[in-house]
Amino acid sequence: MVTREDVQNWLERLDAGTLDVREVEPGLWIARSPDGAEVVVNFAPPVVILRVRVMELPNKEPGRSELFRQLLEFNARDLVHGSYGLEGDHVVLTDTLELENLDYNEFEASFDSITLALASHYSALAPFKEA
């Protein structure tokens, strides 16, 4: 099974070592990419969770309904790893991976999928952000 140290080493390897990675508590890291995306990585056996806070929910309709529809469409057609969801008043993008047979390639694919989704979906989600 994958250990906490394995995850730490994998985080240091991602993006050819260009990520700013800091462990905020044992088994919980924040990985900031050069473009500013902050992915929280939580080692919580038997899984590791990758999560990024995307935006606050709009306060008014019809913005919320349109946003929810857009997120569901992204989940259905664009995401290979993870999905959009709600956490309190925030939209999050999350992926959960089982540690038992996890390898670096799968971990990297999940991380890359999340950061790529953020970059490619930004223009579609930007109109829903409130000023």
N, C-alpha and C. Protein backbone atom coordinates (compact mmCIF):
# COMPACT_ATOMS: atom_id res chain seq x y z
N MET A 1 0.85 -1.18 0.00
CA MET A 1 0.00 0.00 0.00
C MET A 1 0.89 1.24 0.00
N VAL A 2 0.37 2.29 -0.62
CA VAL A 2 1.07 3.56 -0.72
C VAL A 2 1.15 4.21 0.66
N THR A 3 2.30 4.79 0.97
CA THR A 3 2.50 5.45 2.26
C THR A 3 2.44 6.97 2.11
N ARG A 4 2.40 7.64 3.24
CA ARG A 4 2.43 9.10 3.28
C ARG A 4 3.69 9.61 2.59
N GLU A 5 4.80 8.94 2.82
CA GLU A 5 6.07 9.34 2.22
C GLU A 5 6.03 9.19 0.70
N ASP A 6 5.35 8.16 0.21
CA ASP A 6 5.20 7.98 -1.23
C ASP A 6 4.47 9.19 -1.83
N VAL A 7 3.38 9.58 -1.20
CA VAL A 7 2.60 10.72 -1.70
C VAL A 7 3.46 11.99 -1.67
N GLN A 8 4.21 12.19 -0.60
CA GLN A 8 5.10 13.35 -0.50
C GLN A 8 6.11 13.34 -1.66
N ASN A 9 6.71 12.20 -1.93
CA ASN A 9 7.67 12.09 -3.03
C ASN A 9 7.01 12.34 -4.38
N TRP A 10 5.81 11.82 -4.57
CA TRP A 10 5.09 12.03 -5.82
C TRP A 10 4.78 13.51 -6.04
N LEU A 11 4.37 14.18 -4.97
CA LEU A 11 4.07 15.61 -5.09
C LEU A 11 5.32 16.38 -5.50
N GLU A 12 6.46 16.00 -4.99
CA GLU A 12 7.71 16.68 -5.32
C GLU A 12 8.13 16.42 -6.76
N ARG A 13 7.68 15.30 -7.34
CA ARG A 13 8.00 14.96 -8.74
C ARG A 13 7.08 15.63 -9.75
N LEU A 14 5.87 15.98 -9.34
CA LEU A 14 4.88 16.51 -10.28
C LEU A 14 5.39 17.76 -10.97
N ASP A 15 5.00 17.90 -12.22
CA ASP A 15 5.38 19.06 -13.03
C ASP A 15 6.88 19.31 -12.99
N ALA A 16 7.64 18.23 -13.03
CA ALA A 16 9.11 18.29 -13.03
C ALA A 16 9.64 19.08 -11.84
N GLY A 17 8.94 18.97 -10.72
CA GLY A 17 9.40 19.61 -9.49
C GLY A 17 9.14 21.11 -9.42
N THR A 18 8.27 21.64 -10.28
CA THR A 18 8.01 23.09 -10.29
C THR A 18 6.88 23.52 -9.36
N LEU A 19 6.22 22.57 -8.74
CA LEU A 19 5.13 22.92 -7.82
C LEU A 19 5.71 23.45 -6.51
N ASP A 20 4.99 24.38 -5.92
CA ASP A 20 5.30 24.82 -4.56
C ASP A 20 4.45 23.94 -3.64
N VAL A 21 5.08 22.98 -2.97
CA VAL A 21 4.36 22.03 -2.13
C VAL A 21 4.73 22.28 -0.67
N ARG A 22 3.69 22.41 0.16
CA ARG A 22 3.97 22.52 1.60
C ARG A 22 2.99 21.64 2.36
N GLU A 23 3.53 20.97 3.34
CA GLU A 23 2.71 20.11 4.18
C GLU A 23 2.22 20.96 5.35
N VAL A 24 0.91 21.16 5.42
CA VAL A 24 0.35 22.03 6.45
C VAL A 24 0.08 21.29 7.75
N GLU A 25 -0.07 19.99 7.65
CA GLU A 25 -0.14 19.09 8.80
C GLU A 25 0.18 17.70 8.28
N PRO A 26 0.49 16.77 9.14
CA PRO A 26 0.87 15.44 8.64
C PRO A 26 -0.20 14.84 7.72
N GLY A 27 0.22 14.54 6.49
CA GLY A 27 -0.69 13.93 5.53
C GLY A 27 -1.59 14.90 4.80
N LEU A 28 -1.37 16.21 4.94
CA LEU A 28 -2.20 17.21 4.27
C LEU A 28 -1.28 18.26 3.64
N TRP A 29 -1.31 18.32 2.31
CA TRP A 29 -0.44 19.22 1.57
C TRP A 29 -1.26 20.19 0.74
N ILE A 30 -0.66 21.34 0.48
CA ILE A 30 -1.17 22.28 -0.51
C ILE A 30 -0.12 22.36 -1.60
N ALA A 31 -0.53 22.03 -2.83
CA ALA A 31 0.36 22.06 -3.99
C ALA A 31 -0.09 23.19 -4.89
N ARG A 32 0.77 24.18 -5.05
CA ARG A 32 0.45 25.34 -5.90
C ARG A 32 1.24 25.23 -7.19
N SER A 33 0.50 25.24 -8.30
CA SER A 33 1.13 25.15 -9.61
C SER A 33 1.65 26.53 -10.02
N PRO A 34 2.53 26.57 -11.01
CA PRO A 34 3.05 27.87 -11.47
C PRO A 34 1.96 28.84 -11.93
N ASP A 35 0.82 28.30 -12.39
CA ASP A 35 -0.27 29.19 -12.82
C ASP A 35 -1.21 29.57 -11.68
N GLY A 36 -0.89 29.16 -10.45
CA GLY A 36 -1.65 29.61 -9.28
C GLY A 36 -2.72 28.68 -8.76
N ALA A 37 -2.95 27.54 -9.41
CA ALA A 37 -3.96 26.59 -8.92
C ALA A 37 -3.45 25.95 -7.62
N GLU A 38 -4.31 25.93 -6.61
CA GLU A 38 -3.96 25.30 -5.34
C GLU A 38 -4.76 24.03 -5.15
N VAL A 39 -4.06 22.91 -5.18
CA VAL A 39 -4.69 21.61 -5.00
C VAL A 39 -4.34 21.11 -3.60
N VAL A 40 -5.36 20.79 -2.82
CA VAL A 40 -5.15 20.22 -1.50
C VAL A 40 -5.12 18.70 -1.66
N VAL A 41 -4.09 18.09 -1.12
CA VAL A 41 -3.92 16.65 -1.19
C VAL A 41 -3.96 16.11 0.23
N ASN A 42 -4.92 15.20 0.47
CA ASN A 42 -5.15 14.66 1.81
C ASN A 42 -4.93 13.15 1.81
N PHE A 43 -3.88 12.72 2.51
CA PHE A 43 -3.60 11.30 2.67
C PHE A 43 -4.47 10.81 3.81
N ALA A 44 -5.52 10.05 3.47
CA ALA A 44 -6.51 9.60 4.44
C ALA A 44 -6.81 8.13 4.19
N PRO A 45 -5.86 7.24 4.55
CA PRO A 45 -6.02 5.82 4.26
C PRO A 45 -7.43 5.33 4.60
N PRO A 46 -8.02 4.59 3.68
CA PRO A 46 -7.46 3.87 2.53
C PRO A 46 -7.47 4.67 1.22
N VAL A 47 -7.60 5.99 1.27
CA VAL A 47 -7.65 6.81 0.05
C VAL A 47 -6.74 8.01 0.17
N VAL A 48 -6.49 8.63 -0.97
CA VAL A 48 -5.89 9.96 -1.02
C VAL A 48 -6.89 10.82 -1.80
N ILE A 49 -7.13 12.03 -1.28
CA ILE A 49 -8.13 12.91 -1.85
C ILE A 49 -7.43 14.14 -2.42
N LEU A 50 -7.77 14.48 -3.65
CA LEU A 50 -7.28 15.70 -4.27
C LEU A 50 -8.47 16.63 -4.41
N ARG A 51 -8.31 17.86 -3.96
CA ARG A 51 -9.45 18.79 -3.96
C ARG A 51 -8.96 20.20 -4.22
N VAL A 52 -9.72 20.92 -5.00
CA VAL A 52 -9.44 22.33 -5.24
C VAL A 52 -10.74 23.11 -5.14
N ARG A 53 -10.67 24.24 -4.47
CA ARG A 53 -11.83 25.13 -4.37
C ARG A 53 -11.83 26.00 -5.62
N VAL A 54 -12.92 25.93 -6.37
CA VAL A 54 -13.00 26.58 -7.67
C VAL A 54 -13.53 28.00 -7.55
N MET A 55 -14.64 28.17 -6.84
CA MET A 55 -15.28 29.48 -6.74
C MET A 55 -16.39 29.44 -5.70
N GLU A 56 -16.86 30.62 -5.31
CA GLU A 56 -18.05 30.72 -4.47
C GLU A 56 -19.27 30.60 -5.36
N LEU A 57 -20.35 30.08 -4.76
CA LEU A 57 -21.60 30.00 -5.50
C LEU A 57 -22.19 31.40 -5.68
N PRO A 58 -22.82 31.65 -6.82
CA PRO A 58 -23.51 32.93 -6.98
C PRO A 58 -24.68 33.00 -6.00
N ASN A 59 -24.97 34.20 -5.54
CA ASN A 59 -26.06 34.39 -4.57
C ASN A 59 -27.43 34.39 -5.21
N LYS A 60 -27.51 34.68 -6.51
CA LYS A 60 -28.81 34.89 -7.14
C LYS A 60 -29.11 33.85 -8.22
N GLU A 61 -30.41 33.63 -8.41
CA GLU A 61 -30.89 32.89 -9.57
C GLU A 61 -31.01 33.90 -10.70
N PRO A 62 -30.94 33.54 -11.95
CA PRO A 62 -30.80 32.21 -12.50
C PRO A 62 -29.35 31.73 -12.55
N GLY A 63 -28.43 32.52 -12.06
CA GLY A 63 -27.02 32.15 -12.13
C GLY A 63 -26.72 30.79 -11.55
N ARG A 64 -27.32 30.47 -10.40
CA ARG A 64 -27.05 29.18 -9.76
C ARG A 64 -27.50 28.01 -10.63
N SER A 65 -28.70 28.08 -11.14
CA SER A 65 -29.22 26.98 -11.97
C SER A 65 -28.37 26.77 -13.21
N GLU A 66 -27.98 27.86 -13.85
CA GLU A 66 -27.14 27.75 -15.04
C GLU A 66 -25.77 27.18 -14.69
N LEU A 67 -25.21 27.61 -13.55
CA LEU A 67 -23.93 27.09 -13.11
C LEU A 67 -24.02 25.60 -12.83
N PHE A 68 -25.05 25.17 -12.11
CA PHE A 68 -25.20 23.75 -11.79
C PHE A 68 -25.29 22.91 -13.07
N ARG A 69 -26.04 23.42 -14.05
CA ARG A 69 -26.15 22.70 -15.32
C ARG A 69 -24.78 22.59 -15.98
N GLN A 70 -24.04 23.70 -15.99
CA GLN A 70 -22.71 23.69 -16.62
C GLN A 70 -21.79 22.69 -15.92
N LEU A 71 -21.81 22.65 -14.60
CA LEU A 71 -20.96 21.72 -13.84
C LEU A 71 -21.31 20.27 -14.14
N LEU A 72 -22.61 19.97 -14.21
CA LEU A 72 -23.03 18.62 -14.53
C LEU A 72 -22.61 18.21 -15.94
N GLU A 73 -22.67 19.16 -16.87
CA GLU A 73 -22.22 18.87 -18.23
C GLU A 73 -20.72 18.60 -18.26
N PHE A 74 -19.95 19.39 -17.51
CA PHE A 74 -18.50 19.13 -17.42
C PHE A 74 -18.24 17.74 -16.84
N ASN A 75 -18.97 17.40 -15.78
CA ASN A 75 -18.80 16.07 -15.17
C ASN A 75 -19.06 14.95 -16.18
N ALA A 76 -20.08 15.13 -16.99
CA ALA A 76 -20.49 14.08 -17.92
C ALA A 76 -19.57 13.95 -19.13
N ARG A 77 -19.03 15.06 -19.62
CA ARG A 77 -18.30 14.96 -20.89
C ARG A 77 -16.82 15.30 -20.84
N ASP A 78 -16.38 16.05 -19.84
CA ASP A 78 -15.00 16.55 -19.88
C ASP A 78 -14.05 15.92 -18.87
N LEU A 79 -14.55 15.41 -17.78
CA LEU A 79 -13.66 14.97 -16.71
C LEU A 79 -13.38 13.47 -16.78
N VAL A 80 -12.11 13.14 -16.80
CA VAL A 80 -11.70 11.74 -16.74
C VAL A 80 -11.53 11.33 -15.29
N HIS A 81 -10.92 12.21 -14.52
CA HIS A 81 -10.71 11.99 -13.09
C HIS A 81 -11.49 13.03 -12.32
N GLY A 82 -12.19 12.61 -11.27
CA GLY A 82 -12.85 13.54 -10.38
C GLY A 82 -14.15 14.08 -10.90
N SER A 83 -14.70 15.02 -10.12
CA SER A 83 -15.95 15.65 -10.49
C SER A 83 -16.11 16.95 -9.73
N TYR A 84 -16.95 17.81 -10.29
CA TYR A 84 -17.33 19.03 -9.60
C TYR A 84 -18.40 18.69 -8.57
N GLY A 85 -18.39 19.43 -7.48
CA GLY A 85 -19.39 19.25 -6.45
C GLY A 85 -19.51 20.52 -5.63
N LEU A 86 -20.32 20.45 -4.59
CA LEU A 86 -20.53 21.60 -3.70
C LEU A 86 -20.03 21.26 -2.31
N GLU A 87 -19.37 22.22 -1.70
CA GLU A 87 -18.94 22.11 -0.31
C GLU A 87 -19.31 23.43 0.35
N GLY A 88 -20.39 23.40 1.12
CA GLY A 88 -20.89 24.65 1.70
C GLY A 88 -21.32 25.58 0.58
N ASP A 89 -20.76 26.78 0.56
CA ASP A 89 -21.09 27.76 -0.48
C ASP A 89 -20.02 27.84 -1.57
N HIS A 90 -19.30 26.76 -1.76
CA HIS A 90 -18.22 26.75 -2.75
C HIS A 90 -18.36 25.59 -3.73
N VAL A 91 -17.93 25.84 -4.95
CA VAL A 91 -17.79 24.79 -5.95
C VAL A 91 -16.39 24.21 -5.77
N VAL A 92 -16.30 22.90 -5.70
CA VAL A 92 -15.02 22.23 -5.57
C VAL A 92 -14.87 21.20 -6.69
N LEU A 93 -13.63 20.88 -6.98
CA LEU A 93 -13.31 19.83 -7.91
C LEU A 93 -12.51 18.80 -7.12
N THR A 94 -13.00 17.56 -7.07
CA THR A 94 -12.44 16.56 -6.18
C THR A 94 -12.22 15.24 -6.91
N ASP A 95 -11.15 14.56 -6.52
CA ASP A 95 -10.93 13.19 -6.97
C ASP A 95 -10.43 12.38 -5.77
N THR A 96 -10.88 11.15 -5.67
CA THR A 96 -10.49 10.25 -4.60
C THR A 96 -9.88 9.00 -5.23
N LEU A 97 -8.68 8.64 -4.76
CA LEU A 97 -7.97 7.49 -5.31
C LEU A 97 -7.69 6.49 -4.21
N GLU A 98 -7.93 5.22 -4.49
CA GLU A 98 -7.62 4.17 -3.52
C GLU A 98 -6.11 3.97 -3.44
N LEU A 99 -5.61 3.85 -2.22
CA LEU A 99 -4.17 3.71 -2.01
C LEU A 99 -3.64 2.32 -2.28
N GLU A 100 -4.49 1.32 -2.18
CA GLU A 100 -4.02 -0.06 -2.22
C GLU A 100 -3.15 -0.37 -3.43
N ASN A 101 -3.59 0.03 -4.62
CA ASN A 101 -2.83 -0.28 -5.84
C ASN A 101 -2.43 0.98 -6.60
N LEU A 102 -2.45 2.11 -5.95
CA LEU A 102 -2.13 3.38 -6.60
C LEU A 102 -0.66 3.44 -6.98
N ASP A 103 -0.40 3.98 -8.17
CA ASP A 103 0.99 4.21 -8.56
C ASP A 103 1.15 5.68 -8.97
N TYR A 104 2.40 6.06 -9.20
CA TYR A 104 2.68 7.45 -9.52
C TYR A 104 1.94 7.91 -10.78
N ASN A 105 1.89 7.08 -11.81
CA ASN A 105 1.24 7.48 -13.06
C ASN A 105 -0.23 7.82 -12.86
N GLU A 106 -0.92 7.03 -12.07
CA GLU A 106 -2.34 7.30 -11.81
C GLU A 106 -2.51 8.58 -10.98
N PHE A 107 -1.64 8.75 -9.99
CA PHE A 107 -1.67 9.96 -9.16
C PHE A 107 -1.42 11.20 -10.03
N GLU A 108 -0.42 11.12 -10.88
CA GLU A 108 -0.09 12.24 -11.76
C GLU A 108 -1.24 12.53 -12.72
N ALA A 109 -1.86 11.49 -13.27
CA ALA A 109 -2.99 11.68 -14.19
C ALA A 109 -4.14 12.39 -13.50
N SER A 110 -4.42 12.03 -12.27
CA SER A 110 -5.50 12.67 -11.53
C SER A 110 -5.18 14.14 -11.28
N PHE A 111 -3.96 14.41 -10.83
CA PHE A 111 -3.55 15.79 -10.57
C PHE A 111 -3.61 16.61 -11.86
N ASP A 112 -3.08 16.06 -12.94
CA ASP A 112 -3.09 16.77 -14.22
C ASP A 112 -4.50 17.01 -14.73
N SER A 113 -5.38 16.03 -14.55
CA SER A 113 -6.76 16.17 -14.99
C SER A 113 -7.45 17.31 -14.25
N ILE A 114 -7.22 17.41 -12.97
CA ILE A 114 -7.83 18.48 -12.17
C ILE A 114 -7.31 19.84 -12.60
N THR A 115 -5.99 19.97 -12.74
CA THR A 115 -5.44 21.28 -13.11
C THR A 115 -5.80 21.65 -14.55
N LEU A 116 -5.87 20.66 -15.44
CA LEU A 116 -6.29 20.94 -16.81
C LEU A 116 -7.76 21.38 -16.85
N ALA A 117 -8.61 20.72 -16.07
CA ALA A 117 -10.02 21.10 -16.03
C ALA A 117 -10.17 22.54 -15.55
N LEU A 118 -9.42 22.90 -14.52
CA LEU A 118 -9.48 24.29 -14.03
C LEU A 118 -9.13 25.28 -15.14
N ALA A 119 -8.06 24.99 -15.83
CA ALA A 119 -7.61 25.90 -16.89
C ALA A 119 -8.60 25.95 -18.05
N SER A 120 -9.07 24.79 -18.49
CA SER A 120 -9.94 24.77 -19.67
C SER A 120 -11.38 25.20 -19.38
N HIS A 121 -11.82 25.08 -18.14
CA HIS A 121 -13.19 25.47 -17.81
C HIS A 121 -13.30 26.90 -17.28
N TYR A 122 -12.16 27.54 -17.06
CA TYR A 122 -12.16 28.87 -16.45
C TYR A 122 -13.05 29.86 -17.21
N SER A 123 -12.90 29.91 -18.52
CA SER A 123 -13.67 30.91 -19.29
C SER A 123 -15.17 30.65 -19.22
N ALA A 124 -15.58 29.39 -19.14
CA ALA A 124 -17.01 29.06 -19.05
C ALA A 124 -17.56 29.36 -17.66
N LEU A 125 -16.72 29.23 -16.63
CA LEU A 125 -17.18 29.46 -15.26
C LEU A 125 -17.05 30.92 -14.82
N ALA A 126 -16.17 31.67 -15.44
CA ALA A 126 -15.90 33.06 -15.04
C ALA A 126 -17.17 33.93 -14.99
N PRO A 127 -18.10 33.82 -15.93
CA PRO A 127 -19.30 34.67 -15.85
C PRO A 127 -20.16 34.41 -14.59
N PHE A 128 -19.99 33.27 -13.96
CA PHE A 128 -20.78 32.95 -12.77
C PHE A 128 -20.16 33.52 -11.49
N LYS A 129 -18.92 33.96 -11.58
CA LYS A 129 -18.27 34.54 -10.40
C LYS A 129 -18.82 35.93 -10.17
N GLU A 130 -19.14 36.20 -8.91
CA GLU A 130 -19.67 37.52 -8.59
C GLU A 130 -18.54 38.47 -8.26
N ALA A 131 -18.71 39.68 -8.69
CA ALA A 131 -17.67 40.69 -8.45
C ALA A 131 -17.65 41.15 -7.02
